[in-house]
C-alpha atoms as a PDB file:
ATOM      1  CA  MET A   1       3.427  -6.570   2.674  1.00  0.00           C
ATOM      2  CA  PHE A   2      -0.203  -6.879   2.594  1.00  0.00           C
ATOM      3  CA  GLN A   3      -0.664  -9.507   4.679  1.00  0.00           C
ATOM      4  CA  ARG A   4      -3.542  -8.264   6.469  1.00  0.00           C
ATOM      5  CA  PHE A   5      -5.338  -4.771   5.227  1.00  0.00           C
ATOM      6  CA  THR A   6      -7.407  -4.060   8.625  1.00  0.00           C
ATOM      7  CA  ARG A   7      -8.455  -6.514  11.003  1.00  0.00           C
ATOM      8  CA  LEU A   8     -12.044  -6.887  11.873  1.00  0.00           C
ATOM      9  CA  ARG A   9     -13.523  -8.585  15.001  1.00  0.00           C
ATOM     10  CA  VAL A  10     -15.475 -11.888  15.391  1.00  0.00           C
ATOM     11  CA  LEU A  11     -19.089 -11.523  15.431  1.00  0.00           C
ATOM     12  CA  ALA A  12     -21.856 -13.764  15.199  1.00  0.00           C
ATOM     13  CA  LEU A  13     -23.792 -12.854  12.165  1.00  0.00           C
ATOM     14  CA  LEU A  14     -26.735 -14.374  10.004  1.00  0.00           C
ATOM     15  CA  GLY A  15     -28.501 -16.636  11.958  1.00  0.00           C
ATOM     16  CA  GLY A  16     -25.381 -18.004  14.150  1.00  0.00           C
ATOM     17  CA  LEU A  17     -22.724 -18.348  11.498  1.00  0.00           C
ATOM     18  CA  LEU A  18     -19.553 -17.506  13.181  1.00  0.00           C
ATOM     19  CA  LEU A  19     -16.813 -15.584  11.239  1.00  0.00           C
ATOM     20  CA  THR A  20     -13.603 -14.142  11.863  1.00  0.00           C
ATOM     21  CA  SER A  21     -12.645 -11.909   8.812  1.00  0.00           C
ATOM     22  CA  ALA A  22      -9.848  -9.022   7.612  1.00  0.00           C
ATOM     23  CA  CYS A  23      -9.798  -6.412   5.405  1.00  0.00           C
ATOM     24  CA  THR A  24      -6.511  -8.774   2.937  1.00  0.00           C
ATOM     25  CA  ALA A  25      -4.465  -9.538   0.080  1.00  0.00           C
ATOM     26  CA  SER A  26      -2.313 -14.486  -2.694  1.00  0.00           C
ATOM     27  CA  SER A  27       1.560 -20.685  -7.303  1.00  0.00           C
ATOM     28  CA  SER A  28       4.483 -23.328  -7.076  1.00  0.00           C
ATOM     29  CA  GLU A  29       7.063 -25.823  -8.490  1.00  0.00           C
ATOM     30  CA  GLY A  30      10.448 -25.475  -9.065  1.00  0.00           C
ATOM     31  CA  ALA A  31      11.240 -21.706 -10.593  1.00  0.00           C
ATOM     32  CA  ALA A  32       7.805 -20.566 -10.461  1.00  0.00           C
ATOM     33  CA  PRO A  33       7.263 -16.658  -9.394  1.00  0.00           C
ATOM     34  CA  TYR A  34       4.713 -17.562  -6.397  1.00  0.00           C
ATOM     35  CA  THR A  35       4.939 -20.318  -3.561  1.00  0.00           C
ATOM     36  CA  ASP A  36       2.240 -22.290  -2.275  1.00  0.00           C
ATOM     37  CA  GLY A  37       1.498 -21.280   1.525  1.00  0.00           C
ATOM     38  CA  GLN A  38       2.924 -17.676   0.735  1.00  0.00           C
ATOM     39  CA  GLU A  39       1.592 -15.805  -2.135  1.00  0.00           C
ATOM     40  CA  TYR A  40      -1.111 -17.972  -2.309  1.00  0.00           C
ATOM     41  CA  ALA A  41      -2.465 -21.148  -0.786  1.00  0.00           C
ATOM     42  CA  THR A  42      -4.017 -24.419  -2.356  1.00  0.00           C
ATOM     43  CA  LEU A  43      -7.150 -24.983  -0.673  1.00  0.00           C
ATOM     44  CA  PRO A  44      -7.842 -28.272   0.701  1.00  0.00           C
ATOM     45  CA  GLY A  45     -10.445 -31.037  -0.214  1.00  0.00           C
ATOM     46  CA  PRO A  46     -12.113 -31.219  -3.870  1.00  0.00           C
ATOM     47  CA  ALA A  47     -12.535 -27.591  -5.298  1.00  0.00           C
ATOM     48  CA  GLN A  48     -15.480 -25.769  -4.414  1.00  0.00           C
ATOM     49  CA  ARG A  49     -16.550 -23.498  -7.079  1.00  0.00           C
ATOM     50  CA  TYR A  50     -19.107 -20.609  -6.507  1.00  0.00           C
ATOM     51  CA  SER A  51     -20.803 -21.577  -9.868  1.00  0.00           C
ATOM     52  CA  ASP A  52     -20.707 -24.146 -12.542  1.00  0.00           C
ATOM     53  CA  GLU A  53     -20.449 -22.413 -15.777  1.00  0.00           C
ATOM     54  CA  GLY A  54     -17.376 -24.777 -16.941  1.00  0.00           C
ATOM     55  CA  LYS A  55     -14.912 -21.709 -17.013  1.00  0.00           C
ATOM     56  CA  ILE A  56     -12.224 -21.150 -14.966  1.00  0.00           C
ATOM     57  CA  GLU A  57     -13.412 -19.175 -11.858  1.00  0.00           C
ATOM     58  CA  VAL A  58     -11.791 -15.965 -10.435  1.00  0.00           C
ATOM     59  CA  VAL A  59     -13.582 -14.584  -7.460  1.00  0.00           C
ATOM     60  CA  GLU A  60     -12.751 -11.435  -5.805  1.00  0.00           C
ATOM     61  CA  VAL A  61     -14.211 -11.660  -2.136  1.00  0.00           C
ATOM     62  CA  PHE A  62     -14.625  -7.913  -1.606  1.00  0.00           C
ATOM     63  CA  SER A  63     -16.851  -5.249   0.557  1.00  0.00           C
ATOM     64  CA  TYR A  64     -17.973  -1.797  -0.637  1.00  0.00           C
ATOM     65  CA  GLY A  65     -16.684  -0.764   3.042  1.00  0.00           C
ATOM     66  CA  CYS A  66     -13.027  -2.155   2.651  1.00  0.00           C
ATOM     67  CA  ILE A  67     -11.238   0.828   1.197  1.00  0.00           C
ATOM     68  CA  HIS A  68      -8.512  -1.740  -0.238  1.00  0.00           C
ATOM     69  CA  CYS A  69     -11.182  -3.038  -1.936  1.00  0.00           C
ATOM     70  CA  ALA A  70     -11.596   0.302  -3.055  1.00  0.00           C
ATOM     71  CA  HIS A  71      -8.160   0.728  -4.526  1.00  0.00           C
ATOM     72  CA  PHE A  72      -8.077  -2.545  -6.102  1.00  0.00           C
ATOM     73  CA  ALA A  73     -11.244  -2.329  -7.671  1.00  0.00           C
ATOM     74  CA  PRO A  74      -9.990  -0.428 -10.972  1.00  0.00           C
ATOM     75  CA  THR A  75      -7.379  -3.269 -11.393  1.00  0.00           C
ATOM     76  CA  ALA A  76      -9.556  -5.721 -10.846  1.00  0.00           C
ATOM     77  CA  GLU A  77     -11.623  -4.470 -13.682  1.00  0.00           C
ATOM     78  CA  LYS A  78      -8.998  -4.123 -15.907  1.00  0.00           C
ATOM     79  CA  LEU A  79      -8.111  -8.015 -14.774  1.00  0.00           C
ATOM     80  CA  ARG A  80     -11.784  -9.015 -15.794  1.00  0.00           C
ATOM     81  CA  GLN A  81     -11.177  -7.648 -18.892  1.00  0.00           C
ATOM     82  CA  SER A  82      -7.848  -9.340 -19.868  1.00  0.00           C
ATOM     83  CA  LEU A  83      -9.179 -12.448 -18.641  1.00  0.00           C
ATOM     84  CA  PRO A  84      -9.086 -15.503 -21.691  1.00  0.00           C
ATOM     85  CA  LYS A  85     -12.564 -16.487 -22.745  1.00  0.00           C
ATOM     86  CA  ASP A  86     -12.520 -19.974 -20.938  1.00  0.00           C
ATOM     87  CA  ALA A  87     -12.641 -17.916 -17.394  1.00  0.00           C
ATOM     88  CA  VAL A  88     -14.869 -15.467 -15.791  1.00  0.00           C
ATOM     89  CA  PHE A  89     -14.798 -12.935 -13.216  1.00  0.00           C
ATOM     90  CA  LYS A  90     -17.261 -13.000 -10.330  1.00  0.00           C
ATOM     91  CA  LEU A  91     -17.681 -10.959  -6.971  1.00  0.00           C
ATOM     92  CA  VAL A  92     -18.917 -12.148  -4.080  1.00  0.00           C
ATOM     93  CA  PRO A  93     -19.643  -9.619  -1.128  1.00  0.00           C
ATOM     94  CA  ALA A  94     -17.952 -10.437   2.216  1.00  0.00           C
ATOM     95  CA  PRO A  95     -20.503  -9.857   5.341  1.00  0.00           C
ATOM     96  CA  PHE A  96     -17.467  -9.985   7.900  1.00  0.00           C
ATOM     97  CA  SER A  97     -19.078  -7.542  10.214  1.00  0.00           C
ATOM     98  CA  ALA A  98     -22.494  -5.745  11.172  1.00  0.00           C
ATOM     99  CA  GLU A  99     -21.240  -2.735   9.153  1.00  0.00           C
ATOM    100  CA  TRP A 100     -20.473  -4.695   6.445  1.00  0.00           C
ATOM    101  CA  LEU A 101     -24.055  -6.254   5.993  1.00  0.00           C
ATOM    102  CA  PRO A 102     -25.653  -3.486   4.271  1.00  0.00           C
ATOM    103  CA  TYR A 103     -22.964  -3.456   1.531  1.00  0.00           C
ATOM    104  CA  ALA A 104     -23.666  -7.326   1.019  1.00  0.00           C
ATOM    105  CA  ARG A 105     -27.484  -6.900   0.676  1.00  0.00           C
ATOM    106  CA  ALA A 106     -26.672  -3.810  -1.692  1.00  0.00           C
ATOM    107  CA  TYR A 107     -24.584  -5.585  -3.888  1.00  0.00           C
ATOM    108  CA  TYR A 108     -27.196  -8.901  -4.130  1.00  0.00           C
ATOM    109  CA  ALA A 109     -29.792  -6.471  -4.604  1.00  0.00           C
ATOM    110  CA  ALA A 110     -27.830  -4.456  -7.207  1.00  0.00           C
ATOM    111  CA  LYS A 111     -26.898  -7.688  -8.924  1.00  0.00           C
ATOM    112  CA  LYS A 112     -30.769  -8.422  -9.199  1.00  0.00           C
ATOM    113  CA  LEU A 113     -31.620  -5.312 -10.683  1.00  0.00           C
ATOM    114  CA  GLY A 114     -28.947  -5.594 -13.370  1.00  0.00           C
ATOM    115  CA  VAL A 115     -27.048  -2.259 -12.554  1.00  0.00           C
ATOM    116  CA  VAL A 116     -23.385  -3.768 -10.808  1.00  0.00           C
ATOM    117  CA  ASP A 117     -21.535  -2.922 -13.859  1.00  0.00           C
ATOM    118  CA  GLN A 118     -22.453   0.878 -13.828  1.00  0.00           C
ATOM    119  CA  THR A 119     -22.711   1.192 -10.286  1.00  0.00           C
ATOM    120  CA  HIS A 120     -19.813  -0.700  -8.937  1.00  0.00           C
ATOM    121  CA  LEU A 121     -16.821   1.581  -9.280  1.00  0.00           C
ATOM    122  CA  ALA A 122     -18.817   4.757  -8.564  1.00  0.00           C
ATOM    123  CA  LEU A 123     -19.959   3.444  -5.261  1.00  0.00           C
ATOM    124  CA  PHE A 124     -16.204   2.894  -4.245  1.00  0.00           C
ATOM    125  CA  ASP A 125     -15.626   6.821  -5.921  1.00  0.00           C
ATOM    126  CA  GLU A 126     -18.581   8.381  -4.223  1.00  0.00           C
ATOM    127  CA  LYS A 127     -17.599   6.847  -0.722  1.00  0.00           C
ATOM    128  CA  PHE A 128     -13.874   6.688  -0.549  1.00  0.00           C
ATOM    129  CA  ASN A 129     -12.736  10.231  -3.191  1.00  0.00           C
ATOM    130  CA  GLN A 130     -16.146  12.153  -2.644  1.00  0.00           C
ATOM    131  CA  HIS A 131     -16.769  11.444   0.761  1.00  0.00           C
ATOM    132  CA  TYR A 132     -20.433  11.010   0.550  1.00  0.00           C
ATOM    133  CA  PRO A 133     -22.065   9.323   3.753  1.00  0.00           C
ATOM    134  CA  ILE A 134     -22.707   5.723   2.498  1.00  0.00           C
ATOM    135  CA  ASN A 135     -22.772   3.096   5.599  1.00  0.00           C
ATOM    136  CA  SER A 136     -26.207   2.303   6.331  1.00  0.00           C
ATOM    137  CA  LEU A 137     -28.632   0.529   3.806  1.00  0.00           C
ATOM    138  CA  ASP A 138     -30.798   3.808   3.809  1.00  0.00           C
ATOM    139  CA  GLU A 139     -27.740   5.914   2.419  1.00  0.00           C
ATOM    140  CA  LEU A 140     -26.804   3.207   0.192  1.00  0.00           C
ATOM    141  CA  ALA A 141     -30.477   2.999  -1.230  1.00  0.00           C
ATOM    142  CA  ASP A 142     -29.666   6.702  -1.892  1.00  0.00           C
ATOM    143  CA  PHE A 143     -27.047   5.917  -3.622  1.00  0.00           C
ATOM    144  CA  TYR A 144     -28.712   3.756  -6.321  1.00  0.00           C
ATOM    145  CA  ALA A 145     -31.464   6.393  -6.169  1.00  0.00           C
ATOM    146  CA  ARG A 146     -28.887   9.163  -7.622  1.00  0.00           C
ATOM    147  CA  HIS A 147     -28.067   6.418 -10.288  1.00  0.00           C
ATOM    148  CA  GLY A 148     -31.414   5.511 -11.584  1.00  0.00           C
ATOM    149  CA  VAL A 149     -32.635   2.804  -9.493  1.00  0.00           C
ATOM    150  CA  ASN A 150     -36.069   2.601  -7.919  1.00  0.00           C
ATOM    151  CA  ARG A 151     -35.569   3.139  -4.306  1.00  0.00           C
ATOM    152  CA  SER A 152     -38.274   1.104  -2.858  1.00  0.00           C
ATOM    153  CA  GLU A 153     -37.737  -1.480  -5.601  1.00  0.00           C
ATOM    154  CA  PHE A 154     -34.231  -1.785  -4.081  1.00  0.00           C
ATOM    155  CA  MET A 155     -35.195  -1.758  -0.349  1.00  0.00           C
ATOM    156  CA  ARG A 156     -37.254  -4.453  -0.993  1.00  0.00           C
ATOM    157  CA  ILE A 157     -34.785  -6.513  -2.778  1.00  0.00           C
ATOM    158  CA  ALA A 158     -32.066  -6.051  -0.309  1.00  0.00           C
ATOM    159  CA  THR A 159     -34.137  -6.947   2.973  1.00  0.00           C
ATOM    160  CA  SER A 160     -35.605  -9.641   1.062  1.00  0.00           C
ATOM    161  CA  ASP A 161     -35.326 -13.525   2.502  1.00  0.00           C
ATOM    162  CA  GLU A 162     -33.841 -14.323  -1.168  1.00  0.00           C
ATOM    163  CA  VAL A 163     -30.982 -12.209  -0.070  1.00  0.00           C
ATOM    164  CA  THR A 164     -30.545 -12.982   3.095  1.00  0.00           C
ATOM    165  CA  ALA A 165     -30.471 -16.645   2.077  1.00  0.00           C
ATOM    166  CA  GLN A 166     -27.721 -15.797  -0.616  1.00  0.00           C
ATOM    167  CA  MET A 167     -25.567 -14.304   2.234  1.00  0.00           C
ATOM    168  CA  LYS A 168     -25.879 -17.167   4.174  1.00  0.00           C
ATOM    169  CA  SER A 169     -25.079 -19.542   1.948  1.00  0.00           C
ATOM    170  CA  ASP A 170     -21.876 -17.279   0.160  1.00  0.00           C
ATOM    171  CA  LEU A 171     -20.803 -16.713   3.596  1.00  0.00           C
ATOM    172  CA  ALA A 172     -20.559 -20.420   4.330  1.00  0.00           C
ATOM    173  CA  LEU A 173     -18.511 -20.842   0.886  1.00  0.00           C
ATOM    174  CA  ILE A 174     -16.368 -18.127   1.803  1.00  0.00           C
ATOM    175  CA  GLN A 175     -15.608 -19.709   5.506  1.00  0.00           C
ATOM    176  CA  LYS A 176     -14.670 -23.082   3.092  1.00  0.00           C
ATOM    177  CA  TRP A 177     -12.319 -21.221   1.292  1.00  0.00           C
ATOM    178  CA  GLN A 178     -10.703 -19.902   4.507  1.00  0.00           C
ATOM    179  CA  VAL A 179     -10.875 -16.044   3.712  1.00  0.00           C
ATOM    180  CA  ASP A 180     -10.089 -13.878   6.452  1.00  0.00           C
ATOM    181  CA  GLY A 181      -9.514 -10.613   4.589  1.00  0.00           C
ATOM    182  CA  THR A 182     -10.545  -8.604   1.618  1.00  0.00           C
ATOM    183  CA  PRO A 183      -9.921  -8.291  -1.170  1.00  0.00           C
ATOM    184  CA  THR A 184      -9.065 -11.854  -1.396  1.00  0.00           C
ATOM    185  CA  VAL A 185      -9.057 -13.772  -5.284  1.00  0.00           C
ATOM    186  CA  VAL A 186      -9.982 -17.691  -5.209  1.00  0.00           C
ATOM    187  CA  VAL A 187      -9.376 -19.225  -8.861  1.00  0.00           C
ATOM    188  CA  ASP A 188     -11.385 -22.109  -9.445  1.00  0.00           C
ATOM    189  CA  GLY A 189     -12.227 -23.081  -6.001  1.00  0.00           C
ATOM    190  CA  LYS A 190      -8.882 -24.260  -5.730  1.00  0.00           C
ATOM    191  CA  TYR A 191      -6.677 -21.500  -4.928  1.00  0.00           C
ATOM    192  CA  ARG A 192      -7.124 -18.224  -2.675  1.00  0.00           C
ATOM    193  CA  SER A 193      -4.775 -15.449  -2.718  1.00  0.00           C
ATOM    194  CA  GLY A 194      -2.124 -14.878   0.379  1.00  0.00           C
ATOM    195  CA  ASN A 195       0.246 -12.909   1.509  1.00  0.00           C
ATOM    196  CA  VAL A 196       0.875 -10.063  -1.467  1.00  0.00           C
ATOM    197  CA  ARG A 197       3.149  -7.287  -1.430  1.00  0.00           C
ATOM    198  CA  SER A 198       0.765  -5.113  -3.524  1.00  0.00           C
ATOM    199  CA  LEU A 199      -2.820  -4.975  -5.732  1.00  0.00           C
ATOM    200  CA  ASP A 200      -0.690  -5.571  -8.613  1.00  0.00           C
ATOM    201  CA  GLU A 201       0.645  -8.148  -7.663  1.00  0.00           C
ATOM    202  CA  LEU A 202      -2.622  -9.562  -6.459  1.00  0.00           C
ATOM    203  CA  SER A 203      -3.696  -9.180 -10.091  1.00  0.00           C
ATOM    204  CA  ALA A 204      -0.560 -10.846 -11.198  1.00  0.00           C
ATOM    205  CA  LEU A 205      -1.084 -13.824  -9.502  1.00  0.00           C
ATOM    206  CA  THR A 206      -4.453 -13.901 -10.413  1.00  0.00           C
ATOM    207  CA  GLN A 207      -3.419 -14.046 -13.968  1.00  0.00           C
ATOM    208  CA  TRP A 208      -0.742 -16.851 -13.380  1.00  0.00           C
ATOM    209  CA  LEU A 209      -3.197 -19.109 -11.762  1.00  0.00           C
ATOM    210  CA  VAL A 210      -5.448 -18.930 -14.256  1.00  0.00           C
ATOM    211  CA  LYS A 211      -2.639 -19.585 -16.693  1.00  0.00           C
ATOM    212  CA  ARG A 212      -1.990 -22.904 -14.515  1.00  0.00           C
ATOM    213  CA  GLU A 213      -5.328 -23.734 -14.557  1.00  0.00           C
ATOM    214  CA  GLN A 214      -5.378 -23.564 -18.030  1.00  0.00           C
ATOM    215  CA  ALA A 215      -2.679 -25.997 -18.260  1.00  0.00           C
ATOM    216  CA  GLY A 216      -4.054 -28.710 -16.135  1.00  0.00           C
ATOM    217  CA  GLY A 217      -3.009 -27.150 -12.765  1.00  0.00           C
ATOM    218  CA  LYS A 218       0.642 -27.656 -13.569  1.00  0.00           C
END
């Protein structure tokens, strides 16, 4: 079972915010195929969504440093493309360790530069399949430069106060979602994936939760 994909340590990050994490994978009622508290968890309190687009929100908490996220990425892309029109897929990077901070900064910079669609799968491929050394921010800048991004502009954005503030804000939300591993999926700020047996089940669970939200949470 994919209860915890990879365990990480506790680190003080981003101006003193403390986080315990993991590298993880998640609905309920009578004959439902998934059980609250097992494959997924209902989050306490009112829904805490990542944005206010007015659509059912599917958020993958991930890291470019997580091999399980690399394995999930092609499935996640198919999931994104298969979502109904009233749902939206988003990525949120998890700065769960000092080693993962550069990947989070790189994602925000790539998003700001509008190149995530072209580079998301490629980064996983080059790091884990082609075994490029892509660990530091400098090495990440080299990766994006190979894909046509201005290296200096990438570094400027990745190290900016704006990106640091975004990381702090997103980390606070990740903590409220009680995410302790990657890849984790959060649906509409209400449900978080839990102990799934495979990455395909993580995708199927997500689709089921989206349909549940379409039906008014029933």
